[in-house]
Amino acid sequence: MTNTRETLEKAIQVIKIEIDPEERNILHDDLIQFLEWLKPLKALDTSGVTPVRFSHVAVNAFRDDQALSCDLKEVRKAAPNFDEGFYTVPPIIE
């Protein structure tokens, strides 16, 4: 990025936001600081590194569902509202 001020101005125009001159200066200074922080990262040789989509290996920790038999009369007693074979619950969206 050769001219950060010009690049910032183009970005502001593209995203169509209104920024006063003082905020532009702050954004410019932040951009310069970020680019300085980024330099050592950009200098790293990553040619032998395989790109990954996620940084962790996910394993499905869910158990297989297994139907359990139970006494339906006991289940109905525990339910506050049981009507025609269904549990009735209060609405959560008005």
N, C-alpha and C. Protein backbone atom coordinates (compact mmCIF):
# COMPACT_ATOMS: atom_id res chain seq x y z
N MET A 1 0.87 -1.17 0.00
CA MET A 1 0.00 0.00 0.00
C MET A 1 0.91 1.23 0.00
N THR A 2 1.05 1.83 -1.13
CA THR A 2 2.00 2.91 -1.25
C THR A 2 1.49 4.21 -0.65
N ASN A 3 0.28 4.57 -0.91
CA ASN A 3 -0.25 5.82 -0.38
C ASN A 3 -1.47 5.51 0.48
N THR A 4 -1.25 5.46 1.77
CA THR A 4 -2.35 5.08 2.68
C THR A 4 -3.45 6.13 2.72
N ARG A 5 -3.07 7.39 2.60
CA ARG A 5 -4.08 8.45 2.63
C ARG A 5 -5.02 8.31 1.44
N GLU A 6 -4.46 8.07 0.28
CA GLU A 6 -5.27 7.92 -0.93
C GLU A 6 -6.15 6.67 -0.84
N THR A 7 -5.58 5.59 -0.34
CA THR A 7 -6.33 4.35 -0.19
C THR A 7 -7.48 4.52 0.79
N LEU A 8 -7.22 5.21 1.88
CA LEU A 8 -8.28 5.47 2.87
C LEU A 8 -9.39 6.31 2.26
N GLU A 9 -9.04 7.33 1.51
CA GLU A 9 -10.05 8.19 0.87
C GLU A 9 -10.90 7.39 -0.11
N LYS A 10 -10.27 6.50 -0.89
CA LYS A 10 -11.02 5.66 -1.82
C LYS A 10 -11.97 4.73 -1.06
N ALA A 11 -11.49 4.16 0.04
CA ALA A 11 -12.33 3.27 0.84
C ALA A 11 -13.53 4.03 1.41
N ILE A 12 -13.31 5.22 1.87
CA ILE A 12 -14.41 6.03 2.43
C ILE A 12 -15.45 6.32 1.34
N GLN A 13 -14.98 6.61 0.13
CA GLN A 13 -15.91 6.86 -0.97
C GLN A 13 -16.67 5.61 -1.37
N VAL A 14 -15.98 4.48 -1.40
CA VAL A 14 -16.61 3.22 -1.81
C VAL A 14 -17.70 2.81 -0.84
N ILE A 15 -17.42 2.92 0.46
CA ILE A 15 -18.42 2.48 1.43
C ILE A 15 -19.44 3.57 1.75
N LYS A 16 -19.23 4.73 1.14
CA LYS A 16 -20.20 5.83 1.21
C LYS A 16 -20.59 6.21 2.63
N ILE A 17 -19.57 6.55 3.41
CA ILE A 17 -19.82 7.04 4.76
C ILE A 17 -19.28 8.46 4.88
N GLU A 18 -19.84 9.20 5.81
CA GLU A 18 -19.40 10.56 6.02
C GLU A 18 -18.49 10.59 7.25
N ILE A 19 -17.27 11.05 7.05
CA ILE A 19 -16.30 11.11 8.15
C ILE A 19 -15.66 12.49 8.14
N ASP A 20 -15.67 13.16 9.29
CA ASP A 20 -15.08 14.49 9.35
C ASP A 20 -13.55 14.40 9.29
N PRO A 21 -12.88 15.50 8.98
CA PRO A 21 -11.43 15.48 8.81
C PRO A 21 -10.64 14.95 10.02
N GLU A 22 -11.10 15.26 11.21
CA GLU A 22 -10.40 14.77 12.41
C GLU A 22 -10.48 13.24 12.50
N GLU A 23 -11.66 12.70 12.22
CA GLU A 23 -11.81 11.24 12.23
C GLU A 23 -10.99 10.60 11.12
N ARG A 24 -10.89 11.26 9.98
CA ARG A 24 -10.07 10.74 8.88
C ARG A 24 -8.61 10.65 9.30
N ASN A 25 -8.15 11.65 10.01
CA ASN A 25 -6.76 11.64 10.48
C ASN A 25 -6.54 10.50 11.48
N ILE A 26 -7.50 10.28 12.35
CA ILE A 26 -7.41 9.19 13.33
C ILE A 26 -7.40 7.85 12.60
N LEU A 27 -8.31 7.70 11.63
CA LEU A 27 -8.35 6.46 10.85
C LEU A 27 -7.04 6.24 10.09
N HIS A 28 -6.49 7.30 9.54
CA HIS A 28 -5.23 7.19 8.81
C HIS A 28 -4.11 6.74 9.75
N ASP A 29 -4.03 7.35 10.91
CA ASP A 29 -3.00 6.96 11.89
C ASP A 29 -3.18 5.51 12.32
N ASP A 30 -4.43 5.09 12.52
CA ASP A 30 -4.71 3.70 12.89
C ASP A 30 -4.31 2.74 11.77
N LEU A 31 -4.58 3.14 10.53
CA LEU A 31 -4.21 2.32 9.39
C LEU A 31 -2.70 2.16 9.30
N ILE A 32 -1.97 3.25 9.48
CA ILE A 32 -0.50 3.20 9.46
C ILE A 32 0.00 2.27 10.56
N GLN A 33 -0.55 2.41 11.74
CA GLN A 33 -0.15 1.56 12.87
C GLN A 33 -0.45 0.09 12.59
N PHE A 34 -1.59 -0.19 12.00
CA PHE A 34 -1.94 -1.57 11.67
C PHE A 34 -0.99 -2.14 10.63
N LEU A 35 -0.67 -1.36 9.61
CA LEU A 35 0.24 -1.82 8.57
C LEU A 35 1.64 -2.09 9.13
N GLU A 36 2.07 -1.29 10.08
CA GLU A 36 3.37 -1.53 10.74
C GLU A 36 3.32 -2.83 11.54
N TRP A 37 2.21 -3.07 12.22
CA TRP A 37 2.04 -4.31 12.98
C TRP A 37 2.04 -5.52 12.06
N LEU A 38 1.50 -5.33 10.86
CA LEU A 38 1.35 -6.42 9.90
C LEU A 38 2.65 -6.80 9.20
N LYS A 39 3.61 -5.89 9.13
CA LYS A 39 4.85 -6.13 8.38
C LYS A 39 5.56 -7.43 8.78
N PRO A 40 5.79 -7.70 10.07
CA PRO A 40 6.48 -8.95 10.40
C PRO A 40 5.67 -10.19 9.99
N LEU A 41 4.36 -10.10 10.04
CA LEU A 41 3.54 -11.23 9.63
C LEU A 41 3.63 -11.46 8.12
N LYS A 42 3.64 -10.38 7.37
CA LYS A 42 3.74 -10.51 5.91
C LYS A 42 5.12 -11.02 5.49
N ALA A 43 6.13 -10.80 6.32
CA ALA A 43 7.48 -11.23 5.99
C ALA A 43 7.70 -12.72 6.24
N LEU A 44 6.80 -13.38 6.95
CA LEU A 44 6.96 -14.80 7.24
C LEU A 44 6.82 -15.64 5.98
N ASP A 45 7.64 -16.69 5.90
CA ASP A 45 7.55 -17.62 4.77
C ASP A 45 6.50 -18.68 5.10
N THR A 46 5.40 -18.63 4.42
CA THR A 46 4.32 -19.60 4.65
C THR A 46 4.15 -20.54 3.46
N SER A 47 5.17 -20.65 2.63
CA SER A 47 5.04 -21.46 1.43
C SER A 47 4.83 -22.94 1.74
N GLY A 48 5.34 -23.43 2.89
CA GLY A 48 5.17 -24.84 3.22
C GLY A 48 3.98 -25.11 4.13
N VAL A 49 3.18 -24.11 4.39
CA VAL A 49 2.06 -24.26 5.31
C VAL A 49 0.78 -24.52 4.51
N THR A 50 0.09 -25.56 4.88
CA THR A 50 -1.17 -25.89 4.22
C THR A 50 -2.27 -24.97 4.74
N PRO A 51 -2.96 -24.28 3.85
CA PRO A 51 -4.05 -23.41 4.30
C PRO A 51 -5.15 -24.25 4.96
N VAL A 52 -5.74 -23.70 6.02
CA VAL A 52 -6.84 -24.37 6.71
C VAL A 52 -8.00 -23.41 6.82
N ARG A 53 -9.18 -23.96 6.85
CA ARG A 53 -10.37 -23.13 6.99
C ARG A 53 -10.62 -22.80 8.45
N PHE A 54 -10.38 -23.76 9.34
CA PHE A 54 -10.58 -23.56 10.76
C PHE A 54 -9.29 -23.92 11.49
N SER A 55 -9.04 -23.29 12.60
CA SER A 55 -7.79 -23.52 13.31
C SER A 55 -7.88 -24.65 14.33
N HIS A 56 -8.97 -25.35 14.37
CA HIS A 56 -9.11 -26.45 15.32
C HIS A 56 -9.74 -27.65 14.60
N VAL A 57 -9.53 -28.79 15.20
CA VAL A 57 -10.13 -30.01 14.66
C VAL A 57 -11.38 -30.28 15.47
N ALA A 58 -12.49 -30.27 14.79
CA ALA A 58 -13.76 -30.49 15.48
C ALA A 58 -14.12 -31.97 15.43
N VAL A 59 -14.62 -32.45 16.54
CA VAL A 59 -15.08 -33.83 16.62
C VAL A 59 -16.52 -33.78 17.10
N ASN A 60 -17.37 -34.54 16.45
CA ASN A 60 -18.76 -34.59 16.85
C ASN A 60 -18.85 -35.29 18.20
N ALA A 61 -19.20 -34.51 19.22
CA ALA A 61 -19.25 -35.06 20.56
C ALA A 61 -20.66 -35.49 20.95
N PHE A 62 -21.58 -35.42 20.03
CA PHE A 62 -22.95 -35.80 20.34
C PHE A 62 -23.09 -37.31 20.42
N ARG A 63 -23.96 -37.74 21.26
CA ARG A 63 -24.23 -39.17 21.38
C ARG A 63 -25.32 -39.57 20.40
N ASP A 64 -25.38 -40.84 20.10
CA ASP A 64 -26.46 -41.33 19.27
C ASP A 64 -27.75 -41.31 20.08
N ASP A 65 -28.82 -40.87 19.47
CA ASP A 65 -30.11 -40.86 20.16
C ASP A 65 -30.59 -42.29 20.34
N GLN A 66 -31.10 -42.55 21.52
CA GLN A 66 -31.65 -43.86 21.81
C GLN A 66 -33.02 -43.65 22.46
N ALA A 67 -34.00 -44.29 21.92
CA ALA A 67 -35.34 -44.18 22.49
C ALA A 67 -35.39 -44.94 23.81
N LEU A 68 -35.93 -44.27 24.80
CA LEU A 68 -36.08 -44.90 26.11
C LEU A 68 -37.57 -45.12 26.36
N SER A 69 -37.89 -46.25 26.93
CA SER A 69 -39.29 -46.48 27.26
C SER A 69 -39.58 -45.86 28.62
N CYS A 70 -40.79 -45.36 28.75
CA CYS A 70 -41.18 -44.76 30.02
C CYS A 70 -42.69 -44.90 30.17
N ASP A 71 -43.12 -44.66 31.36
CA ASP A 71 -44.54 -44.74 31.66
C ASP A 71 -45.19 -43.41 31.27
N LEU A 72 -46.04 -43.42 30.25
CA LEU A 72 -46.65 -42.20 29.73
C LEU A 72 -47.49 -41.50 30.80
N LYS A 73 -48.11 -42.25 31.70
CA LYS A 73 -48.91 -41.63 32.76
C LYS A 73 -48.03 -40.80 33.68
N GLU A 74 -46.82 -41.29 33.97
CA GLU A 74 -45.90 -40.56 34.83
C GLU A 74 -45.40 -39.29 34.13
N VAL A 75 -45.17 -39.41 32.83
CA VAL A 75 -44.72 -38.24 32.07
C VAL A 75 -45.80 -37.18 32.06
N ARG A 76 -47.04 -37.60 31.87
CA ARG A 76 -48.15 -36.64 31.85
C ARG A 76 -48.32 -35.95 33.19
N LYS A 77 -48.08 -36.67 34.27
CA LYS A 77 -48.18 -36.05 35.60
C LYS A 77 -47.13 -34.96 35.77
N ALA A 78 -45.95 -35.17 35.20
CA ALA A 78 -44.86 -34.20 35.34
C ALA A 78 -45.06 -32.97 34.47
N ALA A 79 -45.85 -33.09 33.40
CA ALA A 79 -46.06 -31.98 32.48
C ALA A 79 -47.12 -31.04 33.03
N PRO A 80 -46.86 -29.76 33.04
CA PRO A 80 -47.88 -28.83 33.55
C PRO A 80 -49.11 -28.77 32.67
N ASN A 81 -48.91 -28.85 31.35
CA ASN A 81 -50.03 -28.79 30.40
C ASN A 81 -49.85 -29.89 29.36
N PHE A 82 -50.75 -30.85 29.39
CA PHE A 82 -50.69 -31.96 28.45
C PHE A 82 -52.08 -32.09 27.87
N ASP A 83 -52.18 -31.94 26.54
CA ASP A 83 -53.49 -31.92 25.91
C ASP A 83 -53.48 -32.77 24.65
N GLU A 84 -54.31 -33.76 24.59
CA GLU A 84 -54.48 -34.64 23.43
C GLU A 84 -53.15 -35.20 22.93
N GLY A 85 -52.32 -35.64 23.86
CA GLY A 85 -51.06 -36.27 23.48
C GLY A 85 -49.92 -35.30 23.21
N PHE A 86 -50.14 -34.01 23.44
CA PHE A 86 -49.10 -33.01 23.19
C PHE A 86 -48.87 -32.17 24.43
N TYR A 87 -47.64 -31.72 24.57
CA TYR A 87 -47.32 -30.75 25.63
C TYR A 87 -47.66 -29.37 25.11
N THR A 88 -48.37 -28.61 25.89
CA THR A 88 -48.65 -27.23 25.49
C THR A 88 -47.69 -26.32 26.26
N VAL A 89 -47.09 -25.43 25.52
CA VAL A 89 -46.13 -24.51 26.12
C VAL A 89 -46.58 -23.09 25.83
N PRO A 90 -46.22 -22.16 26.69
CA PRO A 90 -46.61 -20.77 26.44
C PRO A 90 -45.82 -20.21 25.24
N PRO A 91 -46.45 -19.29 24.51
CA PRO A 91 -45.75 -18.69 23.38
C PRO A 91 -44.54 -17.88 23.85
N ILE A 92 -43.49 -17.87 23.05
CA ILE A 92 -42.31 -17.11 23.43
C ILE A 92 -42.17 -15.83 22.60
N ILE A 93 -42.96 -15.71 21.54
CA ILE A 93 -42.94 -14.53 20.70
C ILE A 93 -44.33 -13.92 20.70
N GLU A 94 -44.39 -12.65 20.94
CA GLU A 94 -45.69 -11.98 20.97
C GLU A 94 -46.06 -11.48 19.60
